[in-house]
Amino acid sequence: MKGYRKYFGKKILWFVVTFVVAVILNFILPRLMPADPVAAITGKMAQGMTDASAVQEIYQRYQKEFGTDKPMIEQFFIFVQNMFHGDFGTSFSQYPRTVSDIISSAIWWTIGLQFPAIIVGWLLGNILGALAAYVRKGFDKVLMPVTLFLSNIPAFAMAVILLVLFAVNLKIAPVSGGYAFDMIPNFSWNFVRSVITHYQLPFWSIVLVSIGGQAVGMRSMSIYELNADYVKYARFLGIKDRKIVGYVFRNAMLPQVTGLALSIGTMVGGALVAEIIFSYPGLGSTMYEAVTAADYPLISATTLIITVMVLIVTFLLDIIYGFIDPRVKAAQFD
């Protein structure tokens, strides 16, 4: 029990330290950008005004509203205090919308796109990798090279290829958006059908890029396990091959499960390329727009969500491995 407490104590300590550093960097880095978003807002609000003092007054009013007139250290403590209350302030680029409102409306689009794509890509890749290692034949000679070729195509290139091929040339898929531009979001069948139609190209652009990497990892681990001593010994004892293969692929899955968990942890920002190219209304494109507009509050909120998700998933993986991996258990009692 003492070994477990020591192991978990170290993991919790590193989690807290990493979280604190992440919060500090999430606050500081966006504010190092040279742009002045308050000046941009003032320019929009003061269009047509010729009175310089009135424009200056508007600028100072927005500085006070956004808190940019305060010293940086004071801004940081206000940021941390508001963060723990779920308040990330008002967006600069989409003023007067709050950051929380923007994220809540965009994050479900990203989760709906990324989560199924990650799961489908992971399942297809692992099945293909297992078959390539165990059955070989066409799976190893034909399908593996094809999926490897597809996975080595950059994400943006895959998205552009699918866009040009199916949307521009064949005209069997929409060019952009999450639904038809003349529709208002609702629960009608026409809207749902429009969402599904717009969903296909971004979804498959993510799946096709991820299959190859998963297949290679599973194939390598499966071949390693199939040549392990315990497999040879089990076959020597006459144990049925089906039972042996079950143990082999269960052991080979451990690193793959880690990769799946990390993919899920980073899925909020992982669809950035696909969302930008297909103009999909998710958090990835929201983050891109925030960066181009130097929207400090929105940048800090989106990057912090991604960081926290990765930290939580990594922490949970370490804790779970502490219970299920015999090597970790042995190390705890050394």
C-alpha atoms as a PDB file:
ATOM      1  CA  MET A   1       0.000   0.000   0.000  1.00  0.00           C
ATOM      2  CA  LYS A   2       2.905   2.312   0.767  1.00  0.00           C
ATOM      3  CA  GLY A   3       4.273   1.745  -2.750  1.00  0.00           C
ATOM      4  CA  TYR A   4       0.922   2.734  -4.268  1.00  0.00           C
ATOM      5  CA  ARG A   5       0.710   5.906  -2.178  1.00  0.00           C
ATOM      6  CA  LYS A   6       4.200   6.926  -3.271  1.00  0.00           C
ATOM      7  CA  TYR A   7       3.403   6.218  -6.933  1.00  0.00           C
ATOM      8  CA  PHE A   8       0.080   8.090  -6.897  1.00  0.00           C
ATOM      9  CA  GLY A   9       1.558  10.947  -4.861  1.00  0.00           C
ATOM     10  CA  LYS A  10       4.232  11.537  -7.519  1.00  0.00           C
ATOM     11  CA  LYS A  11       1.657  11.482 -10.309  1.00  0.00           C
ATOM     12  CA  ILE A  12      -0.622  13.955  -8.504  1.00  0.00           C
ATOM     13  CA  LEU A  13       2.334  16.276  -7.791  1.00  0.00           C
ATOM     14  CA  TRP A  14       3.415  16.283 -11.444  1.00  0.00           C
ATOM     15  CA  PHE A  15      -0.187  16.845 -12.526  1.00  0.00           C
ATOM     16  CA  VAL A  16      -0.500  19.932 -10.305  1.00  0.00           C
ATOM     17  CA  VAL A  17       2.902  21.343 -11.370  1.00  0.00           C
ATOM     18  CA  THR A  18       2.150  20.810 -15.071  1.00  0.00           C
ATOM     19  CA  PHE A  19      -1.308  22.354 -14.689  1.00  0.00           C
ATOM     20  CA  VAL A  20       0.100  25.482 -13.006  1.00  0.00           C
ATOM     21  CA  VAL A  21       2.752  25.901 -15.730  1.00  0.00           C
ATOM     22  CA  ALA A  22       0.093  25.378 -18.422  1.00  0.00           C
ATOM     23  CA  VAL A  23      -2.151  28.072 -16.921  1.00  0.00           C
ATOM     24  CA  ILE A  24       0.743  30.552 -16.767  1.00  0.00           C
ATOM     25  CA  LEU A  25       1.750  29.859 -20.389  1.00  0.00           C
ATOM     26  CA  ASN A  26      -1.878  30.020 -21.550  1.00  0.00           C
ATOM     27  CA  PHE A  27      -2.121  33.500 -20.067  1.00  0.00           C
ATOM     28  CA  ILE A  28       1.284  34.896 -21.110  1.00  0.00           C
ATOM     29  CA  LEU A  29       1.844  33.576 -24.662  1.00  0.00           C
ATOM     30  CA  PRO A  30      -1.258  35.112 -26.340  1.00  0.00           C
ATOM     31  CA  ARG A  31      -0.434  38.468 -24.759  1.00  0.00           C
ATOM     32  CA  LEU A  32       3.022  38.467 -26.347  1.00  0.00           C
ATOM     33  CA  MET A  33       1.394  38.888 -29.760  1.00  0.00           C
ATOM     34  CA  PRO A  34       2.100  42.348 -31.237  1.00  0.00           C
ATOM     35  CA  ALA A  35      -1.509  43.103 -32.251  1.00  0.00           C
ATOM     36  CA  ASP A  36      -3.770  45.371 -30.162  1.00  0.00           C
ATOM     37  CA  PRO A  37      -7.296  43.897 -30.268  1.00  0.00           C
ATOM     38  CA  VAL A  38      -8.751  46.765 -28.211  1.00  0.00           C
ATOM     39  CA  ALA A  39      -7.628  49.171 -30.926  1.00  0.00           C
ATOM     40  CA  ALA A  40      -9.323  46.954 -33.539  1.00  0.00           C
ATOM     41  CA  ILE A  41     -12.625  47.038 -31.627  1.00  0.00           C
ATOM     42  CA  THR A  42     -12.310  50.800 -31.137  1.00  0.00           C
ATOM     43  CA  GLY A  43     -11.741  51.216 -34.881  1.00  0.00           C
ATOM     44  CA  LYS A  44     -14.989  49.355 -35.642  1.00  0.00           C
ATOM     45  CA  MET A  45     -17.014  51.263 -33.058  1.00  0.00           C
ATOM     46  CA  ALA A  46     -15.591  54.657 -33.963  1.00  0.00           C
ATOM     47  CA  GLN A  47     -16.073  54.466 -37.724  1.00  0.00           C
ATOM     48  CA  GLY A  48     -16.913  57.873 -39.157  1.00  0.00           C
ATOM     49  CA  MET A  49     -15.916  59.724 -35.961  1.00  0.00           C
ATOM     50  CA  THR A  50     -13.523  62.634 -36.407  1.00  0.00           C
ATOM     51  CA  ASP A  51     -13.196  63.705 -32.767  1.00  0.00           C
ATOM     52  CA  ALA A  52      -9.873  62.254 -31.545  1.00  0.00           C
ATOM     53  CA  SER A  53     -10.744  62.731 -27.861  1.00  0.00           C
ATOM     54  CA  ALA A  54     -14.011  60.812 -28.336  1.00  0.00           C
ATOM     55  CA  VAL A  55     -12.138  57.960 -30.023  1.00  0.00           C
ATOM     56  CA  GLN A  56      -9.602  57.983 -27.168  1.00  0.00           C
ATOM     57  CA  GLU A  57     -12.443  57.835 -24.665  1.00  0.00           C
ATOM     58  CA  ILE A  58     -13.928  54.805 -26.451  1.00  0.00           C
ATOM     59  CA  TYR A  59     -10.495  53.125 -26.449  1.00  0.00           C
ATOM     60  CA  GLN A  60     -10.054  53.702 -22.714  1.00  0.00           C
ATOM     61  CA  ARG A  61     -13.573  52.432 -22.016  1.00  0.00           C
ATOM     62  CA  TYR A  62     -12.856  49.137 -23.769  1.00  0.00           C
ATOM     63  CA  GLN A  63      -9.463  48.902 -22.082  1.00  0.00           C
ATOM     64  CA  LYS A  64     -11.224  49.150 -18.733  1.00  0.00           C
ATOM     65  CA  GLU A  65     -13.911  46.636 -19.766  1.00  0.00           C
ATOM     66  CA  PHE A  66     -11.368  44.041 -20.882  1.00  0.00           C
ATOM     67  CA  GLY A  67      -8.950  44.833 -18.055  1.00  0.00           C
ATOM     68  CA  THR A  68      -6.001  45.544 -20.350  1.00  0.00           C
ATOM     69  CA  ASP A  69      -5.316  48.833 -18.532  1.00  0.00           C
ATOM     70  CA  LYS A  70      -4.240  46.917 -15.404  1.00  0.00           C
ATOM     71  CA  PRO A  71      -0.706  45.621 -14.723  1.00  0.00           C
ATOM     72  CA  MET A  72       0.003  42.164 -16.205  1.00  0.00           C
ATOM     73  CA  ILE A  73       0.322  40.459 -12.806  1.00  0.00           C
ATOM     74  CA  GLU A  74      -3.062  41.810 -11.721  1.00  0.00           C
ATOM     75  CA  GLN A  75      -4.599  40.647 -15.016  1.00  0.00           C
ATOM     76  CA  PHE A  76      -3.193  37.174 -14.350  1.00  0.00           C
ATOM     77  CA  PHE A  77      -4.789  36.818 -10.902  1.00  0.00           C
ATOM     78  CA  ILE A  78      -8.118  38.076 -12.277  1.00  0.00           C
ATOM     79  CA  PHE A  79      -7.782  35.509 -15.087  1.00  0.00           C
ATOM     80  CA  VAL A  80      -7.136  32.653 -12.626  1.00  0.00           C
ATOM     81  CA  GLN A  81      -9.989  33.725 -10.332  1.00  0.00           C
ATOM     82  CA  ASN A  82     -12.449  33.923 -13.239  1.00  0.00           C
ATOM     83  CA  MET A  83     -11.153  30.637 -14.713  1.00  0.00           C
ATOM     84  CA  PHE A  84     -12.158  28.657 -11.617  1.00  0.00           C
ATOM     85  CA  HIS A  85     -15.654  30.118 -11.982  1.00  0.00           C
ATOM     86  CA  GLY A  86     -15.817  29.092 -15.657  1.00  0.00           C
ATOM     87  CA  ASP A  87     -15.683  32.727 -16.779  1.00  0.00           C
ATOM     88  CA  PHE A  88     -13.148  33.445 -19.540  1.00  0.00           C
ATOM     89  CA  GLY A  89     -14.369  36.968 -20.203  1.00  0.00           C
ATOM     90  CA  THR A  90     -15.692  38.612 -23.358  1.00  0.00           C
ATOM     91  CA  SER A  91     -14.367  37.816 -26.809  1.00  0.00           C
ATOM     92  CA  PHE A  92     -12.433  40.581 -28.581  1.00  0.00           C
ATOM     93  CA  SER A  93     -13.157  39.370 -32.097  1.00  0.00           C
ATOM     94  CA  GLN A  94     -16.857  38.528 -31.529  1.00  0.00           C
ATOM     95  CA  TYR A  95     -17.699  41.298 -29.069  1.00  0.00           C
ATOM     96  CA  PRO A  96     -20.010  41.384 -27.123  1.00  0.00           C
ATOM     97  CA  ARG A  97     -20.318  37.546 -27.044  1.00  0.00           C
ATOM     98  CA  THR A  98     -18.738  35.830 -24.058  1.00  0.00           C
ATOM     99  CA  VAL A  99     -15.969  33.276 -24.564  1.00  0.00           C
ATOM    100  CA  SER A 100     -17.998  30.627 -22.708  1.00  0.00           C
ATOM    101  CA  ASP A 101     -20.905  31.104 -25.136  1.00  0.00           C
ATOM    102  CA  ILE A 102     -18.644  30.778 -28.191  1.00  0.00           C
ATOM    103  CA  ILE A 103     -16.941  27.632 -26.864  1.00  0.00           C
ATOM    104  CA  SER A 104     -20.189  25.965 -25.772  1.00  0.00           C
ATOM    105  CA  SER A 105     -21.684  26.427 -29.245  1.00  0.00           C
ATOM    106  CA  ALA A 106     -18.546  25.196 -31.078  1.00  0.00           C
ATOM    107  CA  ILE A 107     -17.220  22.371 -28.904  1.00  0.00           C
ATOM    108  CA  TRP A 108     -20.090  19.956 -29.618  1.00  0.00           C
ATOM    109  CA  TRP A 109     -19.466  20.230 -33.355  1.00  0.00           C
ATOM    110  CA  THR A 110     -15.824  19.268 -32.792  1.00  0.00           C
ATOM    111  CA  ILE A 111     -16.625  16.393 -30.429  1.00  0.00           C
ATOM    112  CA  GLY A 112     -19.290  15.115 -32.833  1.00  0.00           C
ATOM    113  CA  LEU A 113     -16.745  15.160 -35.666  1.00  0.00           C
ATOM    114  CA  GLN A 114     -13.603  14.001 -33.891  1.00  0.00           C
ATOM    115  CA  PHE A 115     -14.781  11.352 -31.426  1.00  0.00           C
ATOM    116  CA  PRO A 116     -16.426   9.008 -33.982  1.00  0.00           C
ATOM    117  CA  ALA A 117     -13.552   9.595 -36.450  1.00  0.00           C
ATOM    118  CA  ILE A 118     -10.945   8.689 -33.811  1.00  0.00           C
ATOM    119  CA  ILE A 119     -12.839   5.543 -32.760  1.00  0.00           C
ATOM    120  CA  VAL A 120     -13.472   4.369 -36.355  1.00  0.00           C
ATOM    121  CA  GLY A 121      -9.857   5.071 -37.409  1.00  0.00           C
ATOM    122  CA  TRP A 122      -8.534   3.308 -34.304  1.00  0.00           C
ATOM    123  CA  LEU A 123     -10.727   0.220 -34.795  1.00  0.00           C
ATOM    124  CA  LEU A 124     -10.043  -0.118 -38.525  1.00  0.00           C
ATOM    125  CA  GLY A 125      -6.296   0.459 -38.048  1.00  0.00           C
ATOM    126  CA  ASN A 126      -5.975  -2.077 -35.231  1.00  0.00           C
ATOM    127  CA  ILE A 127      -8.033  -4.722 -37.030  1.00  0.00           C
ATOM    128  CA  LEU A 128      -5.925  -4.270 -40.162  1.00  0.00           C
ATOM    129  CA  GLY A 129      -2.665  -4.365 -38.160  1.00  0.00           C
ATOM    130  CA  ALA A 130      -3.709  -7.542 -36.328  1.00  0.00           C
ATOM    131  CA  LEU A 131      -4.729  -9.261 -39.581  1.00  0.00           C
ATOM    132  CA  ALA A 132      -1.492  -8.168 -41.282  1.00  0.00           C
ATOM    133  CA  ALA A 133       0.539  -9.706 -38.437  1.00  0.00           C
ATOM    134  CA  TYR A 134      -1.430 -12.943 -38.032  1.00  0.00           C
ATOM    135  CA  VAL A 135      -3.034 -13.758 -41.409  1.00  0.00           C
ATOM    136  CA  ARG A 136      -0.564 -11.826 -43.603  1.00  0.00           C
ATOM    137  CA  LYS A 137      -1.408 -12.572 -47.278  1.00  0.00           C
ATOM    138  CA  GLY A 138      -3.311  -9.684 -48.908  1.00  0.00           C
ATOM    139  CA  PHE A 139      -3.647  -7.755 -45.657  1.00  0.00           C
ATOM    140  CA  ASP A 140       0.134  -7.387 -45.314  1.00  0.00           C
ATOM    141  CA  LYS A 141       1.016  -7.227 -49.003  1.00  0.00           C
ATOM    142  CA  VAL A 142      -1.714  -4.923 -50.338  1.00  0.00           C
ATOM    143  CA  LEU A 143      -3.845  -3.177 -47.702  1.00  0.00           C
ATOM    144  CA  MET A 144      -0.964  -2.216 -45.388  1.00  0.00           C
ATOM    145  CA  PRO A 145       1.025  -0.371 -48.100  1.00  0.00           C
ATOM    146  CA  VAL A 146      -2.150   1.405 -49.259  1.00  0.00           C
ATOM    147  CA  THR A 147      -3.065   2.584 -45.749  1.00  0.00           C
ATOM    148  CA  LEU A 148       0.558   3.574 -45.084  1.00  0.00           C
ATOM    149  CA  PHE A 149       0.538   5.682 -48.232  1.00  0.00           C
ATOM    150  CA  LEU A 150      -2.732   7.361 -47.159  1.00  0.00           C
ATOM    151  CA  SER A 151      -1.489   8.007 -43.613  1.00  0.00           C
ATOM    152  CA  ASN A 152       1.655   9.710 -44.921  1.00  0.00           C
ATOM    153  CA  ILE A 153      -0.412  12.258 -46.813  1.00  0.00           C
ATOM    154  CA  PRO A 154      -0.558  15.445 -44.672  1.00  0.00           C
ATOM    155  CA  ALA A 155      -3.947  16.088 -43.065  1.00  0.00           C
ATOM    156  CA  PHE A 156      -4.478  19.313 -45.031  1.00  0.00           C
ATOM    157  CA  ALA A 157      -3.597  17.575 -48.317  1.00  0.00           C
ATOM    158  CA  MET A 158      -6.039  14.717 -47.633  1.00  0.00           C
ATOM    159  CA  ALA A 159      -8.778  17.238 -46.879  1.00  0.00           C
ATOM    160  CA  VAL A 160      -8.046  19.182 -50.084  1.00  0.00           C
ATOM    161  CA  ILE A 161      -7.961  15.971 -52.181  1.00  0.00           C
ATOM    162  CA  LEU A 162     -11.359  14.842 -50.875  1.00  0.00           C
ATOM    163  CA  LEU A 163     -12.755  18.349 -51.297  1.00  0.00           C
ATOM    164  CA  VAL A 164     -11.613  18.678 -54.909  1.00  0.00           C
ATOM    165  CA  LEU A 165     -12.554  15.112 -55.862  1.00  0.00           C
ATOM    166  CA  PHE A 166     -15.990  14.713 -54.267  1.00  0.00           C
ATOM    167  CA  ALA A 167     -17.222  18.302 -53.825  1.00  0.00           C
ATOM    168  CA  VAL A 168     -15.753  20.185 -56.791  1.00  0.00           C
ATOM    169  CA  ASN A 169     -15.386  17.531 -59.515  1.00  0.00           C
ATOM    170  CA  LEU A 170     -18.011  14.879 -58.740  1.00  0.00           C
ATOM    171  CA  LYS A 171     -20.329  17.333 -56.931  1.00  0.00           C
ATOM    172  CA  ILE A 172     -21.690  14.608 -54.636  1.00  0.00           C
ATOM    173  CA  ALA A 173     -20.780  16.406 -51.390  1.00  0.00           C
ATOM    174  CA  PRO A 174     -21.075  20.022 -50.180  1.00  0.00           C
ATOM    175  CA  VAL A 175     -18.018  22.247 -50.368  1.00  0.00           C
ATOM    176  CA  SER A 176     -18.087  23.744 -46.877  1.00  0.00           C
ATOM    177  CA  GLY A 177     -19.980  24.379 -43.663  1.00  0.00           C
ATOM    178  CA  GLY A 178     -21.602  22.172 -41.053  1.00  0.00           C
ATOM    179  CA  TYR A 179     -25.043  22.457 -42.670  1.00  0.00           C
ATOM    180  CA  ALA A 180     -26.739  24.330 -45.511  1.00  0.00           C
ATOM    181  CA  PHE A 181     -26.276  28.092 -45.201  1.00  0.00           C
ATOM    182  CA  ASP A 182     -29.981  28.774 -45.722  1.00  0.00           C
ATOM    183  CA  MET A 183     -30.959  26.655 -42.682  1.00  0.00           C
ATOM    184  CA  ILE A 184     -31.425  27.523 -39.015  1.00  0.00           C
ATOM    185  CA  PRO A 185     -30.298  24.785 -36.558  1.00  0.00           C
ATOM    186  CA  ASN A 186     -33.279  22.693 -35.396  1.00  0.00           C
ATOM    187  CA  PHE A 187     -34.290  19.065 -34.905  1.00  0.00           C
ATOM    188  CA  SER A 188     -36.077  18.606 -38.224  1.00  0.00           C
ATOM    189  CA  TRP A 189     -35.139  15.734 -40.555  1.00  0.00           C
ATOM    190  CA  ASN A 190     -34.053  18.178 -43.299  1.00  0.00           C
ATOM    191  CA  PHE A 191     -31.547  19.821 -40.966  1.00  0.00           C
ATOM    192  CA  VAL A 192     -30.224  16.468 -39.661  1.00  0.00           C
ATOM    193  CA  ARG A 193     -29.812  15.225 -43.246  1.00  0.00           C
ATOM    194  CA  SER A 194     -27.933  18.399 -44.152  1.00  0.00           C
ATOM    195  CA  VAL A 195     -25.613  17.946 -41.143  1.00  0.00           C
ATOM    196  CA  ILE A 196     -24.903  14.314 -42.109  1.00  0.00           C
ATOM    197  CA  THR A 197     -24.172  15.323 -45.713  1.00  0.00           C
ATOM    198  CA  HIS A 198     -21.729  18.050 -44.658  1.00  0.00           C
ATOM    199  CA  TYR A 199     -20.199  15.670 -42.099  1.00  0.00           C
ATOM    200  CA  GLN A 200     -18.886  13.051 -44.544  1.00  0.00           C
ATOM    201  CA  LEU A 201     -15.797  14.720 -46.053  1.00  0.00           C
ATOM    202  CA  PRO A 202     -14.310  16.098 -42.784  1.00  0.00           C
ATOM    203  CA  PHE A 203     -14.994  12.739 -41.093  1.00  0.00           C
ATOM    204  CA  TRP A 204     -13.275  10.584 -43.714  1.00  0.00           C
ATOM    205  CA  SER A 205     -10.352  13.000 -44.096  1.00  0.00           C
ATOM    206  CA  ILE A 206      -9.547  12.382 -40.410  1.00  0.00           C
ATOM    207  CA  VAL A 207     -10.196   8.611 -40.522  1.00  0.00           C
ATOM    208  CA  LEU A 208      -8.064   7.922 -43.620  1.00  0.00           C
ATOM    209  CA  VAL A 209      -5.059   9.763 -42.176  1.00  0.00           C
ATOM    210  CA  SER A 210      -5.244   7.912 -38.834  1.00  0.00           C
ATOM    211  CA  ILE A 211      -5.717   4.301 -40.017  1.00  0.00           C
ATOM    212  CA  GLY A 212      -2.150   3.753 -41.241  1.00  0.00           C
ATOM    213  CA  GLY A 213      -0.416   4.828 -38.041  1.00  0.00           C
ATOM    214  CA  GLN A 214      -2.687   2.632 -35.913  1.00  0.00           C
ATOM    215  CA  ALA A 215      -2.177  -0.343 -38.261  1.00  0.00           C
ATOM    216  CA  VAL A 216       1.623  -0.066 -38.172  1.00  0.00           C
ATOM    217  CA  GLY A 217       1.689   0.135 -34.372  1.00  0.00           C
ATOM    218  CA  MET A 218      -0.644  -2.850 -33.956  1.00  0.00           C
ATOM    219  CA  ARG A 219       1.203  -4.923 -36.552  1.00  0.00           C
ATOM    220  CA  SER A 220       4.598  -4.315 -34.905  1.00  0.00           C
ATOM    221  CA  MET A 221       3.335  -5.097 -31.391  1.00  0.00           C
ATOM    222  CA  SER A 222       1.453  -8.207 -32.611  1.00  0.00           C
ATOM    223  CA  ILE A 223       4.521  -9.610 -34.410  1.00  0.00           C
ATOM    224  CA  TYR A 224       6.610  -8.983 -31.277  1.00  0.00           C
ATOM    225  CA  GLU A 225       4.070 -10.773 -29.083  1.00  0.00           C
ATOM    226  CA  LEU A 226       3.608 -13.667 -31.545  1.00  0.00           C
ATOM    227  CA  ASN A 227       7.358 -14.357 -31.346  1.00  0.00           C
ATOM    228  CA  ALA A 228       7.497 -14.089 -27.548  1.00  0.00           C
ATOM    229  CA  ASP A 229       8.626 -17.067 -25.450  1.00  0.00           C
ATOM    230  CA  TYR A 230       5.265 -17.525 -23.751  1.00  0.00           C
ATOM    231  CA  VAL A 231       3.596 -18.033 -27.153  1.00  0.00           C
ATOM    232  CA  LYS A 232       6.130 -20.674 -28.185  1.00  0.00           C
ATOM    233  CA  TYR A 233       5.758 -22.410 -24.823  1.00  0.00           C
ATOM    234  CA  ALA A 234       1.950 -22.324 -25.020  1.00  0.00           C
ATOM    235  CA  ARG A 235       2.032 -23.875 -28.499  1.00  0.00           C
ATOM    236  CA  PHE A 236       4.458 -26.507 -27.249  1.00  0.00           C
ATOM    237  CA  LEU A 237       1.948 -27.413 -24.508  1.00  0.00           C
ATOM    238  CA  GLY A 238      -0.739 -27.851 -27.165  1.00  0.00           C
ATOM    239  CA  ILE A 239      -2.927 -24.906 -26.190  1.00  0.00           C
ATOM    240  CA  LYS A 240      -5.339 -23.963 -28.952  1.00  0.00           C
ATOM    241  CA  ASP A 241      -4.086 -21.213 -31.240  1.00  0.00           C
ATOM    242  CA  ARG A 242      -7.323 -19.243 -30.863  1.00  0.00           C
ATOM    243  CA  LYS A 243      -6.760 -18.915 -27.108  1.00  0.00           C
ATOM    244  CA  ILE A 244      -3.105 -17.960 -27.556  1.00  0.00           C
ATOM    245  CA  VAL A 245      -3.999 -15.291 -30.134  1.00  0.00           C
ATOM    246  CA  GLY A 246      -6.504 -13.815 -27.660  1.00  0.00           C
ATOM    247  CA  TYR A 247      -3.697 -13.241 -25.128  1.00  0.00           C
ATOM    248  CA  VAL A 248      -1.326 -11.987 -27.827  1.00  0.00           C
ATOM    249  CA  PHE A 249      -3.657  -9.287 -29.118  1.00  0.00           C
ATOM    250  CA  ARG A 250      -4.732  -8.268 -25.603  1.00  0.00           C
ATOM    251  CA  ASN A 251      -1.068  -7.623 -24.714  1.00  0.00           C
ATOM    252  CA  ALA A 252      -0.439  -5.871 -28.026  1.00  0.00           C
ATOM    253  CA  MET A 253      -3.392  -3.559 -27.375  1.00  0.00           C
ATOM    254  CA  LEU A 254      -1.874  -1.834 -24.306  1.00  0.00           C
ATOM    255  CA  PRO A 255       0.196   0.767 -26.251  1.00  0.00           C
ATOM    256  CA  GLN A 256      -2.696   1.200 -28.702  1.00  0.00           C
ATOM    257  CA  VAL A 257      -5.099   2.008 -25.854  1.00  0.00           C
ATOM    258  CA  THR A 258      -2.624   4.660 -24.671  1.00  0.00           C
ATOM    259  CA  GLY A 259      -2.620   6.180 -28.153  1.00  0.00           C
ATOM    260  CA  LEU A 260      -6.420   6.113 -28.258  1.00  0.00           C
ATOM    261  CA  ALA A 261      -6.698   7.853 -24.892  1.00  0.00           C
ATOM    262  CA  LEU A 262      -4.236  10.571 -25.939  1.00  0.00           C
ATOM    263  CA  SER A 263      -6.100  11.044 -29.235  1.00  0.00           C
ATOM    264  CA  ILE A 264      -9.353  11.504 -27.335  1.00  0.00           C
ATOM    265  CA  GLY A 265      -7.614  13.935 -24.972  1.00  0.00           C
ATOM    266  CA  THR A 266      -6.425  16.096 -27.861  1.00  0.00           C
ATOM    267  CA  MET A 267      -9.532  15.770 -30.021  1.00  0.00           C
ATOM    268  CA  VAL A 268     -10.816  19.257 -29.148  1.00  0.00           C
ATOM    269  CA  GLY A 269      -8.000  20.853 -31.131  1.00  0.00           C
ATOM    270  CA  GLY A 270      -7.151  17.923 -33.361  1.00  0.00           C
ATOM    271  CA  ALA A 271      -9.620  18.763 -36.122  1.00  0.00           C
ATOM    272  CA  LEU A 272      -8.119  22.197 -36.726  1.00  0.00           C
ATOM    273  CA  VAL A 273      -7.002  21.510 -40.312  1.00  0.00           C
ATOM    274  CA  ALA A 274     -10.184  19.699 -41.369  1.00  0.00           C
ATOM    275  CA  GLU A 275     -12.400  22.368 -39.813  1.00  0.00           C
ATOM    276  CA  ILE A 276     -10.546  25.239 -41.487  1.00  0.00           C
ATOM    277  CA  ILE A 277     -10.515  23.672 -44.963  1.00  0.00           C
ATOM    278  CA  PHE A 278     -14.175  22.591 -44.799  1.00  0.00           C
ATOM    279  CA  SER A 279     -15.283  25.700 -42.837  1.00  0.00           C
ATOM    280  CA  TYR A 280     -16.725  23.346 -40.228  1.00  0.00           C
ATOM    281  CA  PRO A 281     -18.198  25.280 -37.264  1.00  0.00           C
ATOM    282  CA  GLY A 282     -16.131  23.580 -34.545  1.00  0.00           C
ATOM    283  CA  LEU A 283     -13.613  24.651 -31.940  1.00  0.00           C
ATOM    284  CA  GLY A 284     -10.634  24.182 -34.265  1.00  0.00           C
ATOM    285  CA  SER A 285     -11.785  26.874 -36.682  1.00  0.00           C
ATOM    286  CA  THR A 286     -12.837  29.027 -33.714  1.00  0.00           C
ATOM    287  CA  MET A 287      -9.295  28.803 -32.337  1.00  0.00           C
ATOM    288  CA  TYR A 288      -7.822  29.670 -35.741  1.00  0.00           C
ATOM    289  CA  GLU A 289     -10.047  32.762 -36.011  1.00  0.00           C
ATOM    290  CA  ALA A 290      -9.082  33.751 -32.460  1.00  0.00           C
ATOM    291  CA  VAL A 291      -5.362  33.565 -33.301  1.00  0.00           C
ATOM    292  CA  THR A 292      -5.726  35.621 -36.483  1.00  0.00           C
ATOM    293  CA  ALA A 293      -7.715  38.258 -34.551  1.00  0.00           C
ATOM    294  CA  ALA A 294      -5.389  38.238 -31.491  1.00  0.00           C
ATOM    295  CA  ASP A 295      -8.405  37.388 -29.328  1.00  0.00           C
ATOM    296  CA  TYR A 296      -6.557  36.780 -26.027  1.00  0.00           C
ATOM    297  CA  PRO A 297      -9.485  35.486 -23.950  1.00  0.00           C
ATOM    298  CA  LEU A 298     -10.653  33.060 -26.656  1.00  0.00           C
ATOM    299  CA  ILE A 299      -7.115  31.803 -27.377  1.00  0.00           C
ATOM    300  CA  SER A 300      -6.445  31.244 -23.658  1.00  0.00           C
ATOM    301  CA  ALA A 301      -9.736  29.407 -23.147  1.00  0.00           C
ATOM    302  CA  THR A 302      -9.430  27.065 -26.153  1.00  0.00           C
ATOM    303  CA  THR A 303      -5.780  26.153 -25.550  1.00  0.00           C
ATOM    304  CA  LEU A 304      -6.435  25.687 -21.827  1.00  0.00           C
ATOM    305  CA  ILE A 305      -9.289  23.251 -22.548  1.00  0.00           C
ATOM    306  CA  ILE A 306      -7.003  21.193 -24.811  1.00  0.00           C
ATOM    307  CA  THR A 307      -4.194  21.237 -22.222  1.00  0.00           C
ATOM    308  CA  VAL A 308      -6.466  20.195 -19.349  1.00  0.00           C
ATOM    309  CA  MET A 309      -7.985  17.358 -21.386  1.00  0.00           C
ATOM    310  CA  VAL A 310      -4.532  16.000 -22.269  1.00  0.00           C
ATOM    311  CA  LEU A 311      -3.389  16.283 -18.641  1.00  0.00           C
ATOM    312  CA  ILE A 312      -6.476  14.504 -17.303  1.00  0.00           C
ATOM    313  CA  VAL A 313      -6.242  11.668 -19.839  1.00  0.00           C
ATOM    314  CA  THR A 314      -2.488  11.204 -19.201  1.00  0.00           C
ATOM    315  CA  PHE A 315      -3.038  11.253 -15.435  1.00  0.00           C
ATOM    316  CA  LEU A 316      -5.862   8.695 -15.625  1.00  0.00           C
ATOM    317  CA  LEU A 317      -3.731   6.455 -17.858  1.00  0.00           C
ATOM    318  CA  ASP A 318      -0.877   6.531 -15.336  1.00  0.00           C
ATOM    319  CA  ILE A 319      -3.283   5.651 -12.520  1.00  0.00           C
ATOM    320  CA  ILE A 320      -4.915   2.809 -14.480  1.00  0.00           C
ATOM    321  CA  TYR A 321      -1.523   1.428 -15.542  1.00  0.00           C
ATOM    322  CA  GLY A 322      -0.492   1.465 -11.894  1.00  0.00           C
ATOM    323  CA  PHE A 323      -3.171  -1.186 -11.286  1.00  0.00           C
ATOM    324  CA  ILE A 324      -3.140  -3.286 -14.464  1.00  0.00           C
ATOM    325  CA  ASP A 325       0.487  -3.320 -15.655  1.00  0.00           C
ATOM    326  CA  PRO A 326       2.582  -5.890 -13.708  1.00  0.00           C
ATOM    327  CA  ARG A 327       5.810  -3.997 -14.429  1.00  0.00           C
ATOM    328  CA  VAL A 328       4.458  -0.868 -12.724  1.00  0.00           C
ATOM    329  CA  LYS A 329       3.226  -2.946  -9.789  1.00  0.00           C
ATOM    330  CA  ALA A 330       6.669  -4.509  -9.382  1.00  0.00           C
ATOM    331  CA  ALA A 331       8.367  -1.115  -9.477  1.00  0.00           C
ATOM    332  CA  GLN A 332       6.108   0.190  -6.687  1.00  0.00           C
ATOM    333  CA  PHE A 333       7.449  -2.418  -4.249  1.00  0.00           C
ATOM    334  CA  ASP A 334      11.133  -2.162  -5.087  1.00  0.00           C
END
